[in-house]
């Protein structure tokens, strides 16, 4: 669950719309829910996360405005993301990031390319991450560099 109203509304409608994106039959009967998701979440809230994105349990979204996540990104459990963040492709037909468990991503960050963000990592605000981040690591900057390792 998220810690703010917008985050709570997002994750509730994301999970519901995601359920209806499964099979052809579910897509047909769930079309009104999926359309409502696109209008409310993507247009009004400014959160561009397709309902087919794989997001684990315990996802926390703070504010969310200006958040863009590609449909092929994989997000693990207990991940926290702040506003104005982009997670996706570095170039057309490239790979997308895999964000593992217990990761925190600061505001105004960019995480792009076929990279992996390790468990228990922290990405500082305003960072541009284009290389793998080892587990238990704090990175920040443009380009992001290791600041410290959390033991």
Protein backbone atom coordinates (compact mmCIF):
# COMPACT_ATOMS: atom_id res chain seq x y z
CA UNK A 1 0.00 0.00 0.00
CA UNK A 2 1.14 3.53 -0.64
CA UNK A 3 1.55 6.22 1.98
CA UNK A 4 -0.48 8.92 0.24
CA UNK A 5 -3.91 9.15 -1.32
CA UNK A 6 -2.75 9.42 -4.94
CA UNK A 7 -0.41 6.45 -4.49
CA UNK A 8 -3.18 4.39 -2.90
CA UNK A 9 -5.63 5.25 -5.69
CA UNK A 10 -2.99 4.42 -8.31
CA UNK A 11 -2.09 0.99 -6.94
CA UNK A 12 -5.74 0.05 -6.37
CA UNK A 13 -6.76 0.85 -9.95
CA UNK A 14 -3.49 -0.53 -11.35
CA UNK A 15 -4.09 -3.93 -9.72
CA UNK A 16 -7.72 -4.00 -10.87
CA UNK A 17 -6.91 -2.97 -14.45
CA UNK A 18 -3.94 -5.34 -14.50
CA UNK A 19 -6.25 -8.22 -13.56
CA UNK A 20 -8.43 -7.44 -16.59
CA UNK A 21 -5.42 -7.35 -18.94
CA UNK A 22 -4.85 -11.11 -18.61
CA UNK A 23 -6.81 -13.16 -21.16
CA UNK A 24 -8.89 -12.08 -24.13
CA UNK A 25 -12.10 -12.79 -22.20
CA UNK A 26 -10.97 -10.65 -19.24
CA UNK A 27 -9.93 -7.84 -21.60
CA UNK A 28 -13.41 -7.81 -23.13
CA UNK A 29 -15.37 -7.76 -19.88
CA UNK A 30 -12.88 -5.46 -18.18
CA UNK A 31 -12.65 -2.89 -20.96
CA UNK A 32 -14.55 -0.20 -18.97
CA UNK A 33 -12.17 -0.64 -16.02
CA UNK A 34 -9.11 -0.43 -18.27
CA UNK A 35 -10.43 2.69 -20.04
CA UNK A 36 -11.18 4.29 -16.67
CA UNK A 37 -7.63 3.45 -15.52
CA UNK A 38 -6.12 5.10 -18.59
CA UNK A 39 -8.24 8.23 -18.19
CA UNK A 40 -7.89 8.67 -14.41
CA UNK A 41 -4.34 7.47 -13.81
CA UNK A 42 -2.55 8.24 -17.05
CA UNK A 43 -4.29 11.43 -18.17
CA UNK A 44 -5.42 13.12 -14.94
CA UNK A 45 -2.76 11.91 -12.50
CA UNK A 46 0.08 12.08 -15.04
CA UNK A 47 1.31 8.59 -14.15
CA UNK A 48 2.26 6.67 -17.30
CA UNK A 49 2.46 3.05 -16.18
CA UNK A 50 0.75 0.54 -18.47
CA UNK A 51 -1.48 -1.95 -16.65
CA UNK A 52 0.58 -4.80 -18.15
CA UNK A 53 3.74 -3.78 -16.24
CA UNK A 54 4.91 -6.36 -13.70
CA UNK A 55 4.91 -4.74 -10.24
CA UNK A 56 5.46 -6.77 -7.07
CA UNK A 57 3.68 -6.46 -3.75
CA UNK A 58 4.33 -3.60 -1.34
CA UNK A 59 4.85 -1.02 -4.12
CA UNK A 60 4.97 2.54 -2.77
CA UNK A 61 4.40 5.57 -4.95
CA UNK A 62 5.06 9.02 -3.53
CA UNK A 63 3.28 11.82 -5.43
CA UNK A 64 3.67 10.14 -8.81
CA UNK A 65 3.31 13.20 -11.03
CA UNK A 66 5.45 12.87 -14.15
CA UNK A 67 6.19 9.18 -13.53
CA UNK A 68 6.90 7.12 -16.66
CA UNK A 69 7.59 3.38 -16.56
CA UNK A 70 7.88 1.24 -19.71
CA UNK A 71 5.57 -1.78 -19.98
CA UNK A 72 8.51 -4.24 -20.06
CA UNK A 73 10.10 -3.02 -16.81
CA UNK A 74 9.98 -5.59 -14.00
CA UNK A 75 9.58 -4.22 -10.48
CA UNK A 76 10.10 -6.46 -7.45
CA UNK A 77 8.53 -6.35 -3.99
CA UNK A 78 8.62 -3.35 -1.62
CA UNK A 79 9.91 -0.84 -4.17
CA UNK A 80 9.43 2.90 -3.49
CA UNK A 81 9.42 5.43 -6.32
CA UNK A 82 9.09 9.19 -6.20
CA UNK A 83 7.78 11.72 -8.72
CA UNK A 84 9.26 12.78 -12.08
CA UNK A 85 11.04 9.47 -12.58
CA UNK A 86 11.55 7.66 -15.90
CA UNK A 87 12.27 3.93 -16.04
CA UNK A 88 12.57 2.28 -19.44
CA UNK A 89 14.42 1.93 -22.71
CA UNK A 90 17.75 3.61 -23.46
CA UNK A 91 17.05 3.28 -27.19
CA UNK A 92 14.36 1.77 -29.39
CA UNK A 93 14.21 -2.04 -29.18
CA UNK A 94 16.69 -2.00 -26.27
CA UNK A 95 16.26 -3.77 -22.96
CA UNK A 96 14.37 -2.48 -19.92
CA UNK A 97 15.54 -2.35 -16.32
CA UNK A 98 14.76 -4.99 -13.74
CA UNK A 99 14.27 -3.43 -10.31
CA UNK A 100 14.74 -6.04 -7.58
CA UNK A 101 13.26 -6.08 -4.06
CA UNK A 102 13.43 -3.33 -1.41
CA UNK A 103 14.73 -0.63 -3.76
CA UNK A 104 14.17 3.10 -3.22
CA UNK A 105 14.29 5.45 -6.21
CA UNK A 106 14.50 9.18 -5.53
CA UNK A 107 12.66 11.97 -7.33
CA UNK A 108 13.73 13.14 -10.79
CA UNK A 109 15.71 9.97 -11.50
CA UNK A 110 16.24 8.20 -14.81
CA UNK A 111 16.85 4.45 -14.91
CA UNK A 112 17.25 3.20 -18.48
CA UNK A 113 18.56 0.26 -20.46
CA UNK A 114 18.75 -3.48 -19.94
CA UNK A 115 20.20 -3.12 -16.45
CA UNK A 116 19.49 -4.65 -13.05
CA UNK A 117 19.08 -2.77 -9.79
CA UNK A 118 20.07 -5.07 -6.91
CA UNK A 119 18.10 -5.80 -3.74
CA UNK A 120 18.12 -3.17 -0.97
CA UNK A 121 19.63 -0.48 -3.20
CA UNK A 122 18.98 3.25 -3.06
CA UNK A 123 19.06 5.55 -6.09
CA UNK A 124 19.53 9.15 -5.05
CA UNK A 125 17.32 11.97 -6.30
CA UNK A 126 18.26 13.32 -9.72
CA UNK A 127 20.38 10.31 -10.65
CA UNK A 128 20.83 8.91 -14.14
CA UNK A 129 21.39 5.16 -13.91
CA UNK A 130 22.61 3.39 -17.06
CA UNK A 131 24.65 0.54 -15.50
CA UNK A 132 23.83 -2.30 -13.12
CA UNK A 133 23.62 -1.43 -9.42
CA UNK A 134 24.93 -4.09 -7.03
CA UNK A 135 22.74 -5.19 -4.10
CA UNK A 136 22.94 -3.07 -0.91
CA UNK A 137 24.41 -0.09 -2.77
CA UNK A 138 23.63 3.62 -2.67
CA UNK A 139 24.18 5.42 -6.01
CA UNK A 140 23.74 9.05 -6.99
CA UNK A 141 24.71 11.54 -9.67
CA UNK A 142 24.75 11.90 -13.43
CA UNK A 143 25.93 9.36 -14.38
CA UNK A 144 25.14 7.51 -11.16
CA UNK A 145 28.15 6.40 -9.14
CA UNK A 146 28.46 4.27 -6.05
CA UNK A 147 28.32 6.40 -2.91
CA UNK A 148 28.44 3.63 -0.32
CA UNK A 149 27.55 0.04 0.41
CA UNK A 150 24.96 -0.74 3.05
CA UNK A 151 26.02 -3.73 5.12
